[in-house]
C-alpha atoms as a PDB file:
ATOM      1  CA  MET A   1       5.952   0.967   9.747  1.00  0.00           C
ATOM      2  CA  LYS A   2       4.683   4.295   8.676  1.00  0.00           C
ATOM      3  CA  ARG A   3       3.006   3.065   5.387  1.00  0.00           C
ATOM      4  CA  LEU A   4       1.609   0.048   6.347  1.00  0.00           C
ATOM      5  CA  PRO A   5      -1.782   1.184   7.148  1.00  0.00           C
ATOM      6  CA  ASN A   6      -2.090   2.588   3.838  1.00  0.00           C
ATOM      7  CA  ILE A   7      -0.703  -0.391   2.266  1.00  0.00           C
ATOM      8  CA  LEU A   8      -3.353  -2.629   3.924  1.00  0.00           C
ATOM      9  CA  SER A   9      -5.757  -0.015   2.713  1.00  0.00           C
ATOM     10  CA  SER A  10      -4.504  -0.395  -0.828  1.00  0.00           C
ATOM     11  CA  PHE A  11      -4.788  -4.047  -0.788  1.00  0.00           C
ATOM     12  CA  ARG A  12      -8.291  -4.510   0.134  1.00  0.00           C
ATOM     13  CA  MET A  13      -9.225  -1.709  -2.192  1.00  0.00           C
ATOM     14  CA  ALA A  14      -7.407  -3.787  -4.812  1.00  0.00           C
ATOM     15  CA  MET A  15      -8.663  -7.059  -3.523  1.00  0.00           C
ATOM     16  CA  ALA A  16     -12.392  -6.207  -4.040  1.00  0.00           C
ATOM     17  CA  PRO A  17     -12.575  -6.462  -7.637  1.00  0.00           C
ATOM     18  CA  VAL A  18     -10.650  -9.389  -7.747  1.00  0.00           C
ATOM     19  CA  PHE A  19     -13.489 -11.063  -5.371  1.00  0.00           C
ATOM     20  CA  LEU A  20     -15.898  -9.491  -7.206  1.00  0.00           C
ATOM     21  CA  LEU A  21     -14.770 -11.510 -10.625  1.00  0.00           C
ATOM     22  CA  LEU A  22     -14.344 -15.016  -8.832  1.00  0.00           C
ATOM     23  CA  TYR A  23     -17.584 -14.700  -6.839  1.00  0.00           C
ATOM     24  CA  ILE A  24     -19.662 -14.246  -9.641  1.00  0.00           C
ATOM     25  CA  GLN A  25     -18.761 -17.236 -11.598  1.00  0.00           C
ATOM     26  CA  ASP A  26     -20.894 -20.540 -10.976  1.00  0.00           C
ATOM     27  CA  ASP A  27     -17.708 -22.513  -9.932  1.00  0.00           C
ATOM     28  CA  ILE A  28     -17.594 -23.856  -6.532  1.00  0.00           C
ATOM     29  CA  TRP A  29     -13.720 -23.778  -6.347  1.00  0.00           C
ATOM     30  CA  LEU A  30     -13.447 -20.051  -7.726  1.00  0.00           C
ATOM     31  CA  ARG A  31     -16.407 -18.764  -5.443  1.00  0.00           C
ATOM     32  CA  GLY A  32     -14.888 -20.378  -2.520  1.00  0.00           C
ATOM     33  CA  ILE A  33     -11.480 -18.619  -3.493  1.00  0.00           C
ATOM     34  CA  SER A  34     -13.342 -15.422  -3.410  1.00  0.00           C
ATOM     35  CA  LEU A  35     -14.606 -15.795  -0.093  1.00  0.00           C
ATOM     36  CA  VAL A  36     -11.330 -16.159   1.382  1.00  0.00           C
ATOM     37  CA  ILE A  37      -9.851 -13.165  -0.452  1.00  0.00           C
ATOM     38  CA  PHE A  38     -12.900 -11.395   1.103  1.00  0.00           C
ATOM     39  CA  ALA A  39     -12.301 -12.560   4.576  1.00  0.00           C
ATOM     40  CA  VAL A  40      -8.600 -11.754   4.408  1.00  0.00           C
ATOM     41  CA  ALA A  41      -9.218  -8.278   2.812  1.00  0.00           C
ATOM     42  CA  ALA A  42     -11.944  -7.822   5.410  1.00  0.00           C
ATOM     43  CA  LEU A  43      -9.262  -8.352   8.459  1.00  0.00           C
ATOM     44  CA  THR A  44      -6.694  -5.741   6.903  1.00  0.00           C
ATOM     45  CA  ASP A  45      -9.621  -3.383   8.231  1.00  0.00           C
ATOM     46  CA  PHE A  46      -9.005  -4.108  11.613  1.00  0.00           C
ATOM     47  CA  PHE A  47      -4.887  -4.198  11.134  1.00  0.00           C
ATOM     48  CA  ASP A  48      -4.776  -1.178   9.273  1.00  0.00           C
ATOM     49  CA  GLY A  49      -6.863   0.819  12.050  1.00  0.00           C
ATOM     50  CA  TYR A  50      -5.043  -1.126  14.889  1.00  0.00           C
ATOM     51  CA  ILE A  51      -1.482  -0.231  13.271  1.00  0.00           C
ATOM     52  CA  ALA A  52      -1.967   3.298  12.649  1.00  0.00           C
ATOM     53  CA  ARG A  53      -3.548   4.245  16.411  1.00  0.00           C
ATOM     54  CA  LYS A  54      -0.901   1.871  17.885  1.00  0.00           C
ATOM     55  CA  TYR A  55       2.546   3.067  16.107  1.00  0.00           C
ATOM     56  CA  ARG A  56       0.454   6.686  15.941  1.00  0.00           C
ATOM     57  CA  VAL A  57       1.305   6.629  11.933  1.00  0.00           C
ATOM     58  CA  GLU A  58      -2.280   8.255  10.875  1.00  0.00           C
ATOM     59  CA  SER A  59      -2.028  10.429   8.244  1.00  0.00           C
ATOM     60  CA  LYS A  60      -4.544  12.511   6.417  1.00  0.00           C
ATOM     61  CA  PHE A  61      -4.168  10.191   3.174  1.00  0.00           C
ATOM     62  CA  GLY A  62      -4.839   7.188   5.534  1.00  0.00           C
ATOM     63  CA  ILE A  63      -7.922   8.996   6.793  1.00  0.00           C
ATOM     64  CA  PHE A  64      -9.205   9.247   3.111  1.00  0.00           C
ATOM     65  CA  LEU A  65      -8.217   5.676   1.901  1.00  0.00           C
ATOM     66  CA  ASP A  66      -9.625   3.865   4.805  1.00  0.00           C
ATOM     67  CA  PRO A  67     -13.083   4.336   4.551  1.00  0.00           C
ATOM     68  CA  LEU A  68     -13.183   4.554   1.033  1.00  0.00           C
ATOM     69  CA  ALA A  69     -11.504   1.179   0.847  1.00  0.00           C
ATOM     70  CA  ASP A  70     -13.812  -0.728   3.419  1.00  0.00           C
ATOM     71  CA  LYS A  71     -16.753   0.670   0.880  1.00  0.00           C
ATOM     72  CA  PHE A  72     -15.052  -0.702  -1.716  1.00  0.00           C
ATOM     73  CA  LEU A  73     -14.995  -3.860  -0.492  1.00  0.00           C
ATOM     74  CA  THR A  74     -18.482  -3.786   0.899  1.00  0.00           C
ATOM     75  CA  ILE A  75     -19.948  -2.783  -2.077  1.00  0.00           C
ATOM     76  CA  ALA A  76     -18.212  -5.178  -3.946  1.00  0.00           C
ATOM     77  CA  GLY A  77     -20.292  -7.703  -1.745  1.00  0.00           C
ATOM     78  CA  PHE A  78     -23.242  -6.588  -2.679  1.00  0.00           C
ATOM     79  CA  VAL A  79     -23.129  -6.125  -5.816  1.00  0.00           C
ATOM     80  CA  CYS A  80     -22.133  -9.792  -6.205  1.00  0.00           C
ATOM     81  CA  LEU A  81     -25.637 -10.762  -4.927  1.00  0.00           C
ATOM     82  CA  PRO A  82     -28.279 -10.106  -8.134  1.00  0.00           C
ATOM     83  CA  PHE A  83     -25.772 -12.608  -9.652  1.00  0.00           C
ATOM     84  CA  LEU A  84     -26.936 -15.142  -7.250  1.00  0.00           C
ATOM     85  CA  SER A  85     -30.879 -14.461  -7.736  1.00  0.00           C
ATOM     86  CA  PRO A  86     -31.993 -10.776  -9.299  1.00  0.00           C
ATOM     87  CA  GLU A  87     -35.291 -12.010  -7.560  1.00  0.00           C
ATOM     88  CA  GLN A  88     -34.079 -12.181  -3.995  1.00  0.00           C
ATOM     89  CA  PHE A  89     -31.501  -9.473  -4.442  1.00  0.00           C
ATOM     90  CA  PRO A  90     -32.901  -6.973  -6.536  1.00  0.00           C
ATOM     91  CA  TRP A  91     -31.026  -4.173  -8.658  1.00  0.00           C
ATOM     92  CA  TRP A  92     -32.818  -1.186  -7.356  1.00  0.00           C
ATOM     93  CA  ALA A  93     -32.122  -2.026  -3.815  1.00  0.00           C
ATOM     94  CA  ILE A  94     -28.427  -2.733  -4.434  1.00  0.00           C
ATOM     95  CA  VAL A  95     -28.171   0.831  -6.373  1.00  0.00           C
ATOM     96  CA  LEU A  96     -29.828   2.613  -3.351  1.00  0.00           C
ATOM     97  CA  ILE A  97     -27.006   0.881  -0.653  1.00  0.00           C
ATOM     98  CA  VAL A  98     -24.450   2.027  -3.087  1.00  0.00           C
ATOM     99  CA  ILE A  99     -25.500   5.700  -3.453  1.00  0.00           C
ATOM    100  CA  ARG A 100     -25.939   6.201   0.179  1.00  0.00           C
ATOM    101  CA  ASP A 101     -22.686   4.613   1.508  1.00  0.00           C
ATOM    102  CA  LEU A 102     -20.927   6.199  -1.564  1.00  0.00           C
ATOM    103  CA  GLY A 103     -22.190   9.405  -0.883  1.00  0.00           C
ATOM    104  CA  ILE A 104     -21.976   9.649   3.299  1.00  0.00           C
ATOM    105  CA  THR A 105     -18.610   8.314   2.613  1.00  0.00           C
ATOM    106  CA  GLY A 106     -17.686  10.930   0.552  1.00  0.00           C
ATOM    107  CA  LEU A 107     -19.235  13.332   2.813  1.00  0.00           C
ATOM    108  CA  ARG A 108     -17.155  12.197   6.030  1.00  0.00           C
ATOM    109  CA  ILE A 109     -14.034  12.511   3.282  1.00  0.00           C
ATOM    110  CA  PHE A 110     -14.934  15.958   3.061  1.00  0.00           C
ATOM    111  CA  ALA A 111     -15.534  16.921   6.699  1.00  0.00           C
ATOM    112  CA  ASP A 112     -12.290  15.176   8.038  1.00  0.00           C
ATOM    113  CA  ARG A 113      -9.971  17.043   5.316  1.00  0.00           C
ATOM    114  CA  ARG A 114     -11.893  20.319   6.227  1.00  0.00           C
ATOM    115  CA  ASN A 115     -11.250  19.181   9.896  1.00  0.00           C
ATOM    116  CA  LEU A 116     -14.828  19.186  10.588  1.00  0.00           C
ATOM    117  CA  THR A 117     -16.535  16.016  12.837  1.00  0.00           C
ATOM    118  CA  MET A 118     -19.971  14.904  11.401  1.00  0.00           C
ATOM    119  CA  GLN A 119     -22.291  13.785  14.194  1.00  0.00           C
ATOM    120  CA  THR A 120     -23.453  10.111  14.176  1.00  0.00           C
ATOM    121  CA  ARG A 121     -26.322   8.214  15.488  1.00  0.00           C
ATOM    122  CA  SER A 122     -26.510   4.914  16.765  1.00  0.00           C
ATOM    123  CA  SER A 123     -28.659   4.142  13.501  1.00  0.00           C
ATOM    124  CA  ALA A 124     -25.413   4.313  11.584  1.00  0.00           C
ATOM    125  CA  LYS A 125     -23.975   1.601  13.682  1.00  0.00           C
ATOM    126  CA  VAL A 126     -26.667  -0.899  13.590  1.00  0.00           C
ATOM    127  CA  LYS A 127     -26.925  -0.280   9.931  1.00  0.00           C
ATOM    128  CA  THR A 128     -23.706  -1.247   9.472  1.00  0.00           C
ATOM    129  CA  ALA A 129     -23.977  -4.320  11.721  1.00  0.00           C
ATOM    130  CA  ILE A 130     -27.344  -5.457  10.182  1.00  0.00           C
ATOM    131  CA  GLN A 131     -25.483  -4.975   6.342  1.00  0.00           C
ATOM    132  CA  MET A 132     -22.704  -6.917   7.558  1.00  0.00           C
ATOM    133  CA  ILE A 133     -24.453  -9.757   9.065  1.00  0.00           C
ATOM    134  CA  TYR A 134     -26.805  -9.927   6.038  1.00  0.00           C
ATOM    135  CA  LEU A 135     -24.323 -10.017   3.395  1.00  0.00           C
ATOM    136  CA  TYR A 136     -21.523 -12.398   4.916  1.00  0.00           C
ATOM    137  CA  THR A 137     -24.752 -14.860   5.426  1.00  0.00           C
ATOM    138  CA  ALA A 138     -26.116 -14.393   1.763  1.00  0.00           C
ATOM    139  CA  LEU A 139     -22.456 -14.800   0.404  1.00  0.00           C
ATOM    140  CA  LEU A 140     -22.036 -18.065   2.101  1.00  0.00           C
ATOM    141  CA  PHE A 141     -25.654 -19.066   1.523  1.00  0.00           C
ATOM    142  CA  GLY A 142     -24.234 -18.377  -2.867  1.00  0.00           C
ATOM    143  CA  PHE A 143     -21.455 -20.373  -2.223  1.00  0.00           C
ATOM    144  CA  LEU A 144     -23.286 -23.703  -0.257  1.00  0.00           C
ATOM    145  CA  VAL A 145     -25.852 -23.660  -3.128  1.00  0.00           C
ATOM    146  CA  LEU A 146     -23.022 -24.790  -5.491  1.00  0.00           C
ATOM    147  CA  PHE A 147     -22.971 -28.064  -3.877  1.00  0.00           C
ATOM    148  CA  GLY A 148     -24.710 -31.130  -5.342  1.00  0.00           C
ATOM    149  CA  GLY A 149     -26.758 -33.418  -4.057  1.00  0.00           C
ATOM    150  CA  GLY A 150     -29.227 -33.007  -1.347  1.00  0.00           C
ATOM    151  CA  PHE A 151     -27.317 -30.766   0.588  1.00  0.00           C
ATOM    152  CA  GLY A 152     -27.250 -28.381  -2.072  1.00  0.00           C
ATOM    153  CA  GLU A 153     -30.939 -28.664  -3.273  1.00  0.00           C
ATOM    154  CA  MET A 154     -31.941 -28.035   0.381  1.00  0.00           C
ATOM    155  CA  VAL A 155     -29.755 -24.839   0.365  1.00  0.00           C
ATOM    156  CA  ARG A 156     -31.489 -23.700  -2.480  1.00  0.00           C
ATOM    157  CA  SER A 157     -34.887 -24.442  -1.359  1.00  0.00           C
ATOM    158  CA  VAL A 158     -34.358 -21.771   1.187  1.00  0.00           C
ATOM    159  CA  TYR A 159     -34.500 -18.802  -1.521  1.00  0.00           C
ATOM    160  CA  GLU A 160     -38.232 -20.257  -2.564  1.00  0.00           C
ATOM    161  CA  LEU A 161     -38.840 -18.889   1.049  1.00  0.00           C
ATOM    162  CA  ASP A 162     -37.831 -15.458  -0.124  1.00  0.00           C
ATOM    163  CA  LEU A 163     -36.582 -14.751   3.257  1.00  0.00           C
ATOM    164  CA  PHE A 164     -33.067 -13.173   1.588  1.00  0.00           C
ATOM    165  CA  TYR A 165     -35.654 -10.838  -0.502  1.00  0.00           C
ATOM    166  CA  TRP A 166     -37.522  -9.278   2.692  1.00  0.00           C
ATOM    167  CA  GLY A 167     -34.408  -9.484   4.185  1.00  0.00           C
ATOM    168  CA  MET A 168     -32.567  -6.962   1.450  1.00  0.00           C
ATOM    169  CA  ILE A 169     -35.528  -5.246   1.736  1.00  0.00           C
ATOM    170  CA  ALA A 170     -34.933  -4.613   5.442  1.00  0.00           C
ATOM    171  CA  VAL A 171     -31.440  -3.781   5.002  1.00  0.00           C
ATOM    172  CA  THR A 172     -32.037  -1.096   2.153  1.00  0.00           C
ATOM    173  CA  ALA A 173     -34.872   0.875   3.988  1.00  0.00           C
ATOM    174  CA  ILE A 174     -32.251   0.848   7.300  1.00  0.00           C
ATOM    175  CA  THR A 175     -29.561   1.631   4.844  1.00  0.00           C
ATOM    176  CA  VAL A 176     -31.669   4.559   3.240  1.00  0.00           C
ATOM    177  CA  TYR A 177     -32.891   5.691   6.508  1.00  0.00           C
ATOM    178  CA  SER A 178     -29.509   5.875   8.493  1.00  0.00           C
ATOM    179  CA  GLY A 179     -28.677   8.308   5.452  1.00  0.00           C
ATOM    180  CA  ILE A 180     -31.283  10.512   5.680  1.00  0.00           C
ATOM    181  CA  GLU A 181     -30.841  10.702   9.143  1.00  0.00           C
ATOM    182  CA  TYR A 182     -27.266  11.417   8.181  1.00  0.00           C
ATOM    183  CA  LEU A 183     -27.850  14.454   6.195  1.00  0.00           C
ATOM    184  CA  ALA A 184     -30.424  15.801   8.668  1.00  0.00           C
ATOM    185  CA  VAL A 185     -28.304  15.784  11.815  1.00  0.00           C
ATOM    186  CA  ASN A 186     -25.321  17.233   9.852  1.00  0.00           C
ATOM    187  CA  ARG A 187     -27.164  19.563   7.635  1.00  0.00           C
ATOM    188  CA  LYS A 188     -25.988  22.843   9.472  1.00  0.00           C
ATOM    189  CA  MET A 189     -22.562  22.072   9.362  1.00  0.00           C
ATOM    190  CA  PHE A 190     -22.428  21.606   5.283  1.00  0.00           C
ATOM    191  CA  VAL A 191     -24.888  24.447   4.873  1.00  0.00           C
ATOM    192  CA  THR A 192     -22.648  26.472   7.456  1.00  0.00           C
ATOM    193  CA  THR A 193     -19.396  25.349   5.566  1.00  0.00           C
ATOM    194  CA  ALA A 194     -20.884  26.160   1.785  1.00  0.00           C
ATOM    195  CA  GLY A 195     -21.670  29.679   2.840  1.00  0.00           C
ATOM    196  CA  LYS A 196     -18.061  30.588   3.482  1.00  0.00           C
ATOM    197  CA  ASN A 197     -17.063  28.717   0.191  1.00  0.00           C
ATOM    198  CA  ALA A 198     -19.843  31.137  -1.638  1.00  0.00           C
END
């Protein structure tokens, strides 16, 4: 039981590239399987934390691994999107999201390892919720467009409305803003830490 949370986090991290490779294939079955893998991997995020807290088996390695595994899976999801439509999901937006999320995750891990607590803001929780809603919706649409007939045509017509493009712009703006806010709020903590190490 002690190692189970870390095993689940490791599984989530390992499934991220598998999901990515399957999802970008233009095959309805492979893309469907990839969504199942994504859903199962996402569920492990709940269970590893629940088990660690319930049985009090949290570890420093787990504190390091859990958020990193989360970001691996989330980033894999966002990286899939330009393969669906680079016009609706521009690469520059994906790059900004990846840089922000990896950067803040790295700072959080750094702070945890030094027993420091990063201050959070409600904007971070809002950012995560909006990212997940948008990502899951976009991935589901990416699966549905592979259906044939009138249904598939109807789904594809949604792209012509540019709803996903403007949604991507909004998600990117919120993500970058929350990252800047994180840095501003915690600036003194990292400046002080850097001074002590100098």
